[in-house]
C-alpha atoms as a PDB file:
ATOM      1  CA  MET A   1      14.934 -12.267  -6.297  1.00  0.00           C
ATOM      2  CA  SER A   2      12.606 -10.302  -4.922  1.00  0.00           C
ATOM      3  CA  PHE A   3      11.108  -7.329  -7.066  1.00  0.00           C
ATOM      4  CA  LEU A   4      11.117  -4.988  -4.269  1.00  0.00           C
ATOM      5  CA  GLU A   5      13.163  -4.855  -1.301  1.00  0.00           C
ATOM      6  CA  LEU A   6      13.394  -2.971   1.866  1.00  0.00           C
ATOM      7  CA  LYS A   7      15.938  -3.279   3.688  1.00  0.00           C
ATOM      8  CA  ASN A   8      17.241  -1.468   7.849  1.00  0.00           C
ATOM      9  CA  LEU A   9      14.958   1.302   6.411  1.00  0.00           C
ATOM     10  CA  ASN A  10      14.938   4.504   9.114  1.00  0.00           C
ATOM     11  CA  ALA A  11      12.422   7.443   9.480  1.00  0.00           C
ATOM     12  CA  ARG A  12      12.634  10.574  11.575  1.00  0.00           C
ATOM     13  CA  VAL A  13      10.496  13.529  12.241  1.00  0.00           C
ATOM     14  CA  GLY A  14      12.933  15.763  14.183  1.00  0.00           C
ATOM     15  CA  PRO A  15      14.101  13.838  17.170  1.00  0.00           C
ATOM     16  CA  LEU A  16      11.167  11.927  16.541  1.00  0.00           C
ATOM     17  CA  PRO A  17      11.413   7.458  14.979  1.00  0.00           C
ATOM     18  CA  ILE A  18       8.599   6.685  12.714  1.00  0.00           C
ATOM     19  CA  LEU A  19      10.389   3.828  10.863  1.00  0.00           C
ATOM     20  CA  ARG A  20      12.716   1.381  12.709  1.00  0.00           C
ATOM     21  CA  ASP A  21      14.734  -0.381  10.425  1.00  0.00           C
ATOM     22  CA  VAL A  22      12.008  -1.577   8.703  1.00  0.00           C
ATOM     23  CA  SER A  23      13.309  -4.891   6.352  1.00  0.00           C
ATOM     24  CA  LEU A  24      10.640  -6.701   4.531  1.00  0.00           C
ATOM     25  CA  GLN A  25      10.484  -7.958   0.537  1.00  0.00           C
ATOM     26  CA  VAL A  26       7.804  -8.568  -2.175  1.00  0.00           C
ATOM     27  CA  ALA A  27       7.950 -11.265  -5.296  1.00  0.00           C
ATOM     28  CA  PRO A  28       7.324 -10.798  -8.567  1.00  0.00           C
ATOM     29  CA  GLY A  29       3.335 -11.087  -8.542  1.00  0.00           C
ATOM     30  CA  GLU A  30       3.205 -12.206  -4.513  1.00  0.00           C
ATOM     31  CA  VAL A  31       0.406 -10.140  -2.426  1.00  0.00           C
ATOM     32  CA  ARG A  32       1.647  -8.879   0.559  1.00  0.00           C
ATOM     33  CA  ALA A  33      -0.099  -7.219   3.185  1.00  0.00           C
ATOM     34  CA  LEU A  34       1.333  -4.083   5.388  1.00  0.00           C
ATOM     35  CA  VAL A  35      -1.044  -4.283   8.459  1.00  0.00           C
ATOM     36  CA  GLY A  36      -0.819  -2.734  11.926  1.00  0.00           C
ATOM     37  CA  GLU A  37      -3.403  -0.529  13.621  1.00  0.00           C
ATOM     38  CA  SER A  38      -3.494   3.109  12.638  1.00  0.00           C
ATOM     39  CA  GLY A  39      -0.338   5.053  13.508  1.00  0.00           C
ATOM     40  CA  ALA A  40       1.840   2.192  12.648  1.00  0.00           C
ATOM     41  CA  GLY A  41       3.322   3.028   9.607  1.00  0.00           C
ATOM     42  CA  LYS A  42       1.895   2.047   6.557  1.00  0.00           C
ATOM     43  CA  SER A  43       1.619   4.356   4.450  1.00  0.00           C
ATOM     44  CA  MET A  44       4.401   5.962   4.971  1.00  0.00           C
ATOM     45  CA  ILE A  45       6.331   2.976   4.188  1.00  0.00           C
ATOM     46  CA  GLY A  46       4.267   3.170   1.024  1.00  0.00           C
ATOM     47  CA  LYS A  47       5.149   7.258   0.653  1.00  0.00           C
ATOM     48  CA  ALA A  48       9.021   6.275   1.304  1.00  0.00           C
ATOM     49  CA  ILE A  49       9.073   3.956  -1.959  1.00  0.00           C
ATOM     50  CA  LEU A  50       7.069   6.237  -3.879  1.00  0.00           C
ATOM     51  CA  GLY A  51       8.900   9.193  -2.906  1.00  0.00           C
ATOM     52  CA  THR A  52       6.350  11.035  -1.492  1.00  0.00           C
ATOM     53  CA  LEU A  53       7.073  11.803   2.141  1.00  0.00           C
ATOM     54  CA  PRO A  54       6.209  15.028   3.504  1.00  0.00           C
ATOM     55  CA  ASP A  55       9.058  17.381   3.691  1.00  0.00           C
ATOM     56  CA  ALA A  56       9.369  16.939   7.720  1.00  0.00           C
ATOM     57  CA  ILE A  57       9.420  13.563   7.555  1.00  0.00           C
ATOM     58  CA  ARG A  58      14.120  12.735   6.856  1.00  0.00           C
ATOM     59  CA  ILE A  59      14.730   8.932   5.389  1.00  0.00           C
ATOM     60  CA  THR A  60      17.819   8.443   8.342  1.00  0.00           C
ATOM     61  CA  GLY A  61      18.745   5.112   6.830  1.00  0.00           C
ATOM     62  CA  GLY A  62      18.047   1.997   5.181  1.00  0.00           C
ATOM     63  CA  GLU A  63      17.882   0.693   1.355  1.00  0.00           C
ATOM     64  CA  ILE A  64      15.373   0.616  -1.122  1.00  0.00           C
ATOM     65  CA  LEU A  65      15.471  -1.716  -3.881  1.00  0.00           C
ATOM     66  CA  LEU A  66      13.697  -2.018  -6.957  1.00  0.00           C
ATOM     67  CA  GLU A  67      14.909  -4.977  -8.779  1.00  0.00           C
ATOM     68  CA  GLY A  68      18.496  -4.660  -6.907  1.00  0.00           C
ATOM     69  CA  GLU A  69      18.890  -0.713  -7.508  1.00  0.00           C
ATOM     70  CA  ASP A  70      18.599   1.433  -4.400  1.00  0.00           C
ATOM     71  CA  LEU A  71      16.226   4.262  -4.956  1.00  0.00           C
ATOM     72  CA  GLN A  72      17.811   5.964  -2.190  1.00  0.00           C
ATOM     73  CA  ALA A  73      20.712   6.422  -4.104  1.00  0.00           C
ATOM     74  CA  MET A  74      19.578   7.722  -7.681  1.00  0.00           C
ATOM     75  CA  SER A  75      19.021  11.024  -8.617  1.00  0.00           C
ATOM     76  CA  PRO A  76      15.228  12.632  -7.932  1.00  0.00           C
ATOM     77  CA  LYS A  77      14.900  12.472 -12.111  1.00  0.00           C
ATOM     78  CA  ASP A  78      15.655   9.461 -12.543  1.00  0.00           C
ATOM     79  CA  ARG A  79      13.723   7.527  -9.294  1.00  0.00           C
ATOM     80  CA  ARG A  80      11.212   9.083 -10.721  1.00  0.00           C
ATOM     81  CA  ARG A  81      11.188   7.715 -14.645  1.00  0.00           C
ATOM     82  CA  MET A  82      11.405   4.069 -13.165  1.00  0.00           C
ATOM     83  CA  ILE A  83       8.952   4.692 -10.136  1.00  0.00           C
ATOM     84  CA  GLY A  84       6.355   5.909 -12.933  1.00  0.00           C
ATOM     85  CA  ALA A  85       7.617   3.300 -15.225  1.00  0.00           C
ATOM     86  CA  LYS A  86       7.441   0.346 -12.552  1.00  0.00           C
ATOM     87  CA  VAL A  87       5.491   0.984  -9.275  1.00  0.00           C
ATOM     88  CA  ALA A  88       2.122   2.551  -9.166  1.00  0.00           C
ATOM     89  CA  LEU A  89      -0.596   3.343  -6.400  1.00  0.00           C
ATOM     90  CA  ILE A  90      -3.865   3.020  -5.667  1.00  0.00           C
ATOM     91  CA  PRO A  91      -4.764   5.609  -2.939  1.00  0.00           C
ATOM     92  CA  GLN A  92      -6.754   5.669  -0.179  1.00  0.00           C
ATOM     93  CA  ASP A  93      -9.440   8.409  -1.283  1.00  0.00           C
ATOM     94  CA  PRO A  94     -10.521   8.634  -5.031  1.00  0.00           C
ATOM     95  CA  LEU A  95     -12.493  11.625  -4.864  1.00  0.00           C
ATOM     96  CA  THR A  96      -9.241  13.482  -3.210  1.00  0.00           C
ATOM     97  CA  ALA A  97      -6.943  11.756  -5.475  1.00  0.00           C
ATOM     98  CA  LEU A  98      -8.605  13.512  -8.555  1.00  0.00           C
ATOM     99  CA  ASN A  99      -8.065  16.952  -9.373  1.00  0.00           C
ATOM    100  CA  PRO A 100     -12.002  18.202  -9.283  1.00  0.00           C
ATOM    101  CA  ALA A 101     -11.522  20.688 -11.622  1.00  0.00           C
ATOM    102  CA  ARG A 102     -10.571  18.449 -14.327  1.00  0.00           C
ATOM    103  CA  ARG A 103     -12.225  15.623 -16.856  1.00  0.00           C
ATOM    104  CA  VAL A 104     -11.471  12.069 -15.333  1.00  0.00           C
ATOM    105  CA  GLY A 105     -10.017  11.280 -19.047  1.00  0.00           C
ATOM    106  CA  PRO A 106      -7.001  13.790 -19.607  1.00  0.00           C
ATOM    107  CA  GLN A 107      -6.034  12.826 -15.446  1.00  0.00           C
ATOM    108  CA  ILE A 108      -5.947   9.384 -16.237  1.00  0.00           C
ATOM    109  CA  CYS A 109      -3.997   9.791 -19.438  1.00  0.00           C
ATOM    110  CA  ASN A 110      -1.531  12.377 -18.320  1.00  0.00           C
ATOM    111  CA  ARG A 111       0.754   8.969 -16.269  1.00  0.00           C
ATOM    112  CA  LEU A 112       1.201   7.583 -20.125  1.00  0.00           C
ATOM    113  CA  VAL A 113       2.216  10.524 -21.791  1.00  0.00           C
ATOM    114  CA  ASP A 114       3.874  12.448 -19.321  1.00  0.00           C
ATOM    115  CA  ILE A 115       6.102  10.220 -17.647  1.00  0.00           C
ATOM    116  CA  LEU A 116       6.713   7.372 -20.243  1.00  0.00           C
ATOM    117  CA  GLY A 117       6.351   9.026 -22.969  1.00  0.00           C
ATOM    118  CA  TRP A 118       2.710   7.200 -24.906  1.00  0.00           C
ATOM    119  CA  ARG A 119       1.330   9.302 -27.576  1.00  0.00           C
ATOM    120  CA  ARG A 120      -1.757  11.103 -26.223  1.00  0.00           C
ATOM    121  CA  ARG A 121      -4.315   8.462 -28.642  1.00  0.00           C
ATOM    122  CA  GLU A 122      -2.201   5.365 -27.770  1.00  0.00           C
ATOM    123  CA  ALA A 123      -2.964   6.373 -23.945  1.00  0.00           C
ATOM    124  CA  GLU A 124      -6.558   6.637 -24.436  1.00  0.00           C
ATOM    125  CA  ALA A 125      -7.074   3.914 -26.359  1.00  0.00           C
ATOM    126  CA  ARG A 126      -5.272   1.890 -23.404  1.00  0.00           C
ATOM    127  CA  VAL A 127      -7.627   3.801 -20.908  1.00  0.00           C
ATOM    128  CA  ILE A 128     -10.426   2.814 -22.413  1.00  0.00           C
ATOM    129  CA  GLU A 129      -9.382  -1.119 -22.769  1.00  0.00           C
ATOM    130  CA  LEU A 130      -8.734  -0.283 -19.003  1.00  0.00           C
ATOM    131  CA  LEU A 131     -11.953   1.369 -17.840  1.00  0.00           C
ATOM    132  CA  HIS A 132     -14.008  -1.586 -19.440  1.00  0.00           C
ATOM    133  CA  GLU A 133     -11.612  -4.596 -17.455  1.00  0.00           C
ATOM    134  CA  VAL A 134     -12.998  -2.769 -14.049  1.00  0.00           C
ATOM    135  CA  HIS A 135     -16.786  -2.806 -15.713  1.00  0.00           C
ATOM    136  CA  ILE A 136     -17.788   1.136 -16.501  1.00  0.00           C
ATOM    137  CA  PRO A 137     -19.907   1.471 -19.016  1.00  0.00           C
ATOM    138  CA  ALA A 138     -19.691   3.762 -21.699  1.00  0.00           C
ATOM    139  CA  PRO A 139     -15.996   4.232 -20.581  1.00  0.00           C
ATOM    140  CA  GLU A 140     -15.378   7.487 -23.687  1.00  0.00           C
ATOM    141  CA  ARG A 141     -18.568   9.413 -22.048  1.00  0.00           C
ATOM    142  CA  VAL A 142     -16.712   8.561 -18.425  1.00  0.00           C
ATOM    143  CA  MET A 143     -13.807   9.747 -19.742  1.00  0.00           C
ATOM    144  CA  ARG A 144     -15.755  13.288 -20.513  1.00  0.00           C
ATOM    145  CA  ALA A 145     -16.774  13.316 -16.792  1.00  0.00           C
ATOM    146  CA  TYR A 146     -15.251  14.728 -13.994  1.00  0.00           C
ATOM    147  CA  PRO A 147     -15.020  12.953 -10.875  1.00  0.00           C
ATOM    148  CA  HIS A 148     -18.187  14.923  -8.820  1.00  0.00           C
ATOM    149  CA  GLU A 149     -20.094  13.572 -11.202  1.00  0.00           C
ATOM    150  CA  LEU A 150     -19.260  10.081 -10.932  1.00  0.00           C
ATOM    151  CA  SER A 151     -20.017   7.567  -7.259  1.00  0.00           C
ATOM    152  CA  GLY A 152     -17.531   6.410  -5.338  1.00  0.00           C
ATOM    153  CA  GLY A 153     -17.266   3.136  -6.229  1.00  0.00           C
ATOM    154  CA  MET A 154     -17.274   4.435 -10.120  1.00  0.00           C
ATOM    155  CA  ARG A 155     -13.629   7.209  -8.890  1.00  0.00           C
ATOM    156  CA  GLN A 156     -12.278   3.491  -7.127  1.00  0.00           C
ATOM    157  CA  ARG A 157     -12.154   1.715 -10.158  1.00  0.00           C
ATOM    158  CA  ILE A 158     -10.973   4.481 -12.477  1.00  0.00           C
ATOM    159  CA  LEU A 159      -8.159   4.745 -10.684  1.00  0.00           C
ATOM    160  CA  ILE A 160      -7.401   1.107 -10.449  1.00  0.00           C
ATOM    161  CA  ALA A 161      -7.745   0.620 -14.372  1.00  0.00           C
ATOM    162  CA  SER A 162      -5.344   3.578 -14.165  1.00  0.00           C
ATOM    163  CA  ALA A 163      -3.111   1.926 -11.863  1.00  0.00           C
ATOM    164  CA  PHE A 164      -2.632  -1.353 -14.295  1.00  0.00           C
ATOM    165  CA  ALA A 165      -2.665   1.239 -17.392  1.00  0.00           C
ATOM    166  CA  ALA A 166       1.564   0.966 -17.778  1.00  0.00           C
ATOM    167  CA  GLU A 167       1.813  -2.586 -17.058  1.00  0.00           C
ATOM    168  CA  PRO A 168       3.449  -1.843 -13.693  1.00  0.00           C
ATOM    169  CA  GLN A 169       5.081  -5.276 -12.074  1.00  0.00           C
ATOM    170  CA  LEU A 170       4.343  -3.436  -8.560  1.00  0.00           C
ATOM    171  CA  ILE A 171       1.435  -1.679  -7.428  1.00  0.00           C
ATOM    172  CA  ILE A 172       0.232  -0.061  -3.791  1.00  0.00           C
ATOM    173  CA  ALA A 173      -2.280  -0.321  -2.628  1.00  0.00           C
ATOM    174  CA  ASP A 174      -3.114   1.757   0.714  1.00  0.00           C
ATOM    175  CA  GLU A 175      -6.617   1.152   1.786  1.00  0.00           C
ATOM    176  CA  PRO A 176      -8.233   1.335  -0.887  1.00  0.00           C
ATOM    177  CA  THR A 177     -11.738   0.933   0.299  1.00  0.00           C
ATOM    178  CA  THR A 178     -11.726   3.074   3.752  1.00  0.00           C
ATOM    179  CA  ALA A 179     -14.129   5.956   2.013  1.00  0.00           C
ATOM    180  CA  LEU A 180     -16.316   3.534   0.479  1.00  0.00           C
ATOM    181  CA  ASP A 181     -19.630   1.704   1.681  1.00  0.00           C
ATOM    182  CA  VAL A 182     -19.319  -2.297   2.997  1.00  0.00           C
ATOM    183  CA  THR A 183     -21.421  -3.202  -0.169  1.00  0.00           C
ATOM    184  CA  VAL A 184     -19.024  -1.751  -2.612  1.00  0.00           C
ATOM    185  CA  GLN A 185     -16.010  -2.449  -1.094  1.00  0.00           C
ATOM    186  CA  LYS A 186     -16.353  -6.094  -1.670  1.00  0.00           C
ATOM    187  CA  GLN A 187     -17.441  -5.467  -5.378  1.00  0.00           C
ATOM    188  CA  ILE A 188     -13.632  -3.320  -5.218  1.00  0.00           C
ATOM    189  CA  LEU A 189     -11.452  -6.296  -3.519  1.00  0.00           C
ATOM    190  CA  ARG A 190     -12.870  -8.925  -5.941  1.00  0.00           C
ATOM    191  CA  LEU A 191     -11.925  -6.526  -8.635  1.00  0.00           C
ATOM    192  CA  ILE A 192      -8.321  -5.859  -7.066  1.00  0.00           C
ATOM    193  CA  ARG A 193      -7.851  -9.611  -7.010  1.00  0.00           C
ATOM    194  CA  ASP A 194      -9.046 -10.524 -10.477  1.00  0.00           C
ATOM    195  CA  MET A 195      -6.624  -7.592 -12.090  1.00  0.00           C
ATOM    196  CA  GLN A 196      -4.161  -8.344 -10.053  1.00  0.00           C
ATOM    197  CA  ALA A 197      -4.632 -12.152 -10.907  1.00  0.00           C
ATOM    198  CA  ARG A 198      -4.748 -11.366 -15.156  1.00  0.00           C
ATOM    199  CA  HIS A 199      -2.289  -9.201 -15.044  1.00  0.00           C
ATOM    200  CA  GLY A 200       0.652 -10.994 -12.558  1.00  0.00           C
ATOM    201  CA  THR A 201       1.626  -7.620 -10.928  1.00  0.00           C
ATOM    202  CA  ALA A 202       2.317  -7.699  -7.440  1.00  0.00           C
ATOM    203  CA  LEU A 203       0.730  -5.931  -4.558  1.00  0.00           C
ATOM    204  CA  LEU A 204       1.581  -3.814  -1.532  1.00  0.00           C
ATOM    205  CA  PHE A 205      -1.791  -3.688   0.479  1.00  0.00           C
ATOM    206  CA  VAL A 206      -2.030  -1.578   3.528  1.00  0.00           C
ATOM    207  CA  THR A 207      -4.700  -2.380   5.253  1.00  0.00           C
ATOM    208  CA  HIS A 208      -5.881  -2.733   8.992  1.00  0.00           C
ATOM    209  CA  ASP A 209      -8.404  -5.265   8.076  1.00  0.00           C
ATOM    210  CA  LEU A 210      -7.293  -8.708   8.669  1.00  0.00           C
ATOM    211  CA  GLY A 211     -10.250 -10.340   7.035  1.00  0.00           C
ATOM    212  CA  VAL A 212      -9.650  -8.546   4.164  1.00  0.00           C
ATOM    213  CA  VAL A 213      -6.025 -10.142   4.317  1.00  0.00           C
ATOM    214  CA  SER A 214      -7.315 -13.240   4.485  1.00  0.00           C
ATOM    215  CA  LYS A 215      -9.092 -13.361   1.141  1.00  0.00           C
ATOM    216  CA  LEU A 216      -6.755 -11.319  -0.950  1.00  0.00           C
ATOM    217  CA  CYS A 217      -3.359 -11.902   0.344  1.00  0.00           C
ATOM    218  CA  GLN A 218      -0.039 -14.918   0.566  1.00  0.00           C
ATOM    219  CA  SER A 219       2.055 -12.801   2.434  1.00  0.00           C
ATOM    220  CA  MET A 220       1.971 -10.040   5.605  1.00  0.00           C
ATOM    221  CA  THR A 221       4.288  -8.023   8.148  1.00  0.00           C
ATOM    222  CA  VAL A 222       2.831  -6.570  11.217  1.00  0.00           C
ATOM    223  CA  LEU A 223       3.731  -3.181  12.092  1.00  0.00           C
ATOM    224  CA  PHE A 224       3.384  -1.613  15.062  1.00  0.00           C
ATOM    225  CA  GLY A 225       4.947   2.254  15.785  1.00  0.00           C
ATOM    226  CA  GLY A 226       6.785   1.659  12.987  1.00  0.00           C
ATOM    227  CA  LYS A 227       8.676  -1.167  13.828  1.00  0.00           C
ATOM    228  CA  VAL A 228       7.612  -4.979  11.997  1.00  0.00           C
ATOM    229  CA  LEU A 229       6.811  -7.212  14.775  1.00  0.00           C
ATOM    230  CA  GLU A 230       6.156 -10.216  12.165  1.00  0.00           C
ATOM    231  CA  ASP A 231       6.765 -10.765   8.720  1.00  0.00           C
ATOM    232  CA  THR A 232       4.856 -14.300   8.153  1.00  0.00           C
ATOM    233  CA  SER A 233       2.964 -15.621   5.523  1.00  0.00           C
ATOM    234  CA  VAL A 234      -0.888 -15.653   5.998  1.00  0.00           C
ATOM    235  CA  ASP A 235      -1.785 -19.275   6.321  1.00  0.00           C
ATOM    236  CA  GLN A 236       1.158 -19.369   9.329  1.00  0.00           C
ATOM    237  CA  PHE A 237      -0.454 -16.164  10.803  1.00  0.00           C
ATOM    238  CA  PHE A 238      -4.026 -16.917  11.268  1.00  0.00           C
ATOM    239  CA  SER A 239      -3.056 -20.657  12.880  1.00  0.00           C
ATOM    240  CA  ALA A 240      -0.464 -19.863  15.174  1.00  0.00           C
ATOM    241  CA  PRO A 241       1.346 -16.101  15.085  1.00  0.00           C
ATOM    242  CA  ASP A 242       4.645 -15.934  16.444  1.00  0.00           C
ATOM    243  CA  HIS A 243       4.086 -12.591  18.118  1.00  0.00           C
ATOM    244  CA  ALA A 244       2.032 -11.802  20.566  1.00  0.00           C
ATOM    245  CA  TYR A 245       0.983  -8.432  18.957  1.00  0.00           C
ATOM    246  CA  SER A 246       0.363 -10.190  16.610  1.00  0.00           C
ATOM    247  CA  ALA A 247      -2.164 -13.546  18.484  1.00  0.00           C
ATOM    248  CA  ALA A 248      -3.672 -10.679  20.139  1.00  0.00           C
ATOM    249  CA  LEU A 249      -5.008  -8.616  16.825  1.00  0.00           C
ATOM    250  CA  LEU A 250      -6.401 -12.115  15.759  1.00  0.00           C
ATOM    251  CA  ALA A 251      -7.814 -12.657  19.066  1.00  0.00           C
ATOM    252  CA  ALA A 252      -9.347  -9.143  19.005  1.00  0.00           C
ATOM    253  CA  THR A 253     -10.583  -9.349  15.237  1.00  0.00           C
ATOM    254  CA  PRO A 254     -14.695 -10.466  14.770  1.00  0.00           C
ATOM    255  CA  LYS A 255     -15.987 -13.519  14.381  1.00  0.00           C
ATOM    256  CA  TYR A 256     -18.069 -14.167  11.657  1.00  0.00           C
ATOM    257  CA  THR A 257     -18.725 -18.124  13.914  1.00  0.00           C
ATOM    258  CA  ASP A 258     -19.732 -15.531  16.521  1.00  0.00           C
ATOM    259  CA  PRO A 259     -22.632 -13.093  15.445  1.00  0.00           C
ATOM    260  CA  GLY A 260     -23.111 -10.473  18.046  1.00  0.00           C
ATOM    261  CA  GLY A 261     -20.312 -11.767  20.052  1.00  0.00           C
ATOM    262  CA  SER A 262     -18.328  -9.764  22.622  1.00  0.00           C
ATOM    263  CA  LEU A 263     -15.191  -8.322  20.640  1.00  0.00           C
ATOM    264  CA  MET A 264     -11.942  -8.549  22.569  1.00  0.00           C
ATOM    265  CA  PRO A 265      -9.580  -4.784  23.097  1.00  0.00           C
ATOM    266  CA  VAL A 266      -5.633  -6.174  22.418  1.00  0.00           C
ATOM    267  CA  PRO A 267      -4.462  -6.102  26.371  1.00  0.00           C
ATOM    268  CA  GLU A 268      -2.732  -3.218  27.538  1.00  0.00           C
ATOM    269  CA  ALA A 269      -0.471  -5.745  28.924  1.00  0.00           C
ATOM    270  CA  THR A 270       0.416  -6.546  25.237  1.00  0.00           C
ATOM    271  CA  ILE A 271       0.749  -3.181  24.281  1.00  0.00           C
ATOM    272  CA  HIS A 272       3.078  -2.153  27.145  1.00  0.00           C
ATOM    273  CA  ALA A 273       4.993  -5.415  26.305  1.00  0.00           C
ATOM    274  CA  VAL A 274       5.366  -3.879  22.829  1.00  0.00           C
ATOM    275  CA  GLU A 275       6.420  -0.621  23.614  1.00  0.00           C
ATOM    276  CA  ALA A 276       9.309  -1.784  25.952  1.00  0.00           C
ATOM    277  CA  GLU A 277      10.086  -3.193  22.775  1.00  0.00           C
ATOM    278  CA  ILE A 278      10.431  -0.627  20.362  1.00  0.00           C
ATOM    279  CA  ALA A 279      11.969   1.873  23.831  1.00  0.00           C
ATOM    280  CA  ALA A 280      14.637  -1.181  23.605  1.00  0.00           C
ATOM    281  CA  HIS A 281      15.397  -1.012  19.749  1.00  0.00           C
ATOM    282  CA  ASP A 282      14.972   2.842  20.088  1.00  0.00           C
ATOM    283  CA  LEU A 283      17.998   2.996  22.903  1.00  0.00           C
ATOM    284  CA  ALA A 284      20.607   0.454  21.635  1.00  0.00           C
ATOM    285  CA  HIS A 285      19.580   2.320  18.172  1.00  0.00           C
ATOM    286  CA  GLN A 286      20.850   5.521  19.696  1.00  0.00           C
ATOM    287  CA  THR A 287      23.925   3.555  21.614  1.00  0.00           C
ATOM    288  CA  GLU A 288      24.970   2.068  17.376  1.00  0.00           C
ATOM    289  CA  THR A 289      24.870   5.442  16.175  1.00  0.00           C
ATOM    290  CA  VAL A 290      27.074   6.946  19.061  1.00  0.00           C
ATOM    291  CA  ARG A 291      29.178   4.939  18.767  1.00  0.00           C
ATOM    292  CA  GLN A 292      29.968   5.285  15.016  1.00  0.00           C
END
């Protein structure tokens, strides 16, 4: 049984579709990538799961099942409780994710105290244990620091520790290395991989970097314009992608075996073909809605 399952999820901003019949599954302990260019809908899927979509975006159909329970059918209170206990987020920008006016310690303990009902002392001990695990020296001192007093890599390690603190069954990592330099990115990716393997947590990894996917993930979902174009294993994708857009993405990826080689953009013909596919989907969806 899948821990997380999306079934034909649709979302709109006014009349504009941004998620189109998105279906995917994440099994317990699985590492799945959500891949696509900017605007493909990757982060929107994560926000839909967490229930943090902007007010302007409305889910118009489909199901979000967590251990078989439909989050859409729950009261806001029950949904927050279930998400708080079983799902966590590693956000994209660690500086904006932390309140600059508050010390680090209380911020990362509050989820355990306010949502899960831990005692403050137990929460602090757990967080210090996790800070050691993510290789932060002198964690007691770091907990008393303000976010601006720490480096970007240190802040991201803190958010990784916070995500794993309550032993969630699923972590959504929303491009967690975007705001970091290349050297620190490598360290953070290795840390996420090691923590995921140690804790056995399922991971939904949002990224546009196929190199990261090849090293970290087992399965992947390729998106374009809010529509799933391919849902496959990582091995299958890199050996024989099924969709023409997937093949074009793979061909456009720089090769370490060809340093300085020319970059190949995704052909315009491929983009036009995918756009036509999406337009046909939207027309069929509108026709079905009218019939109903």
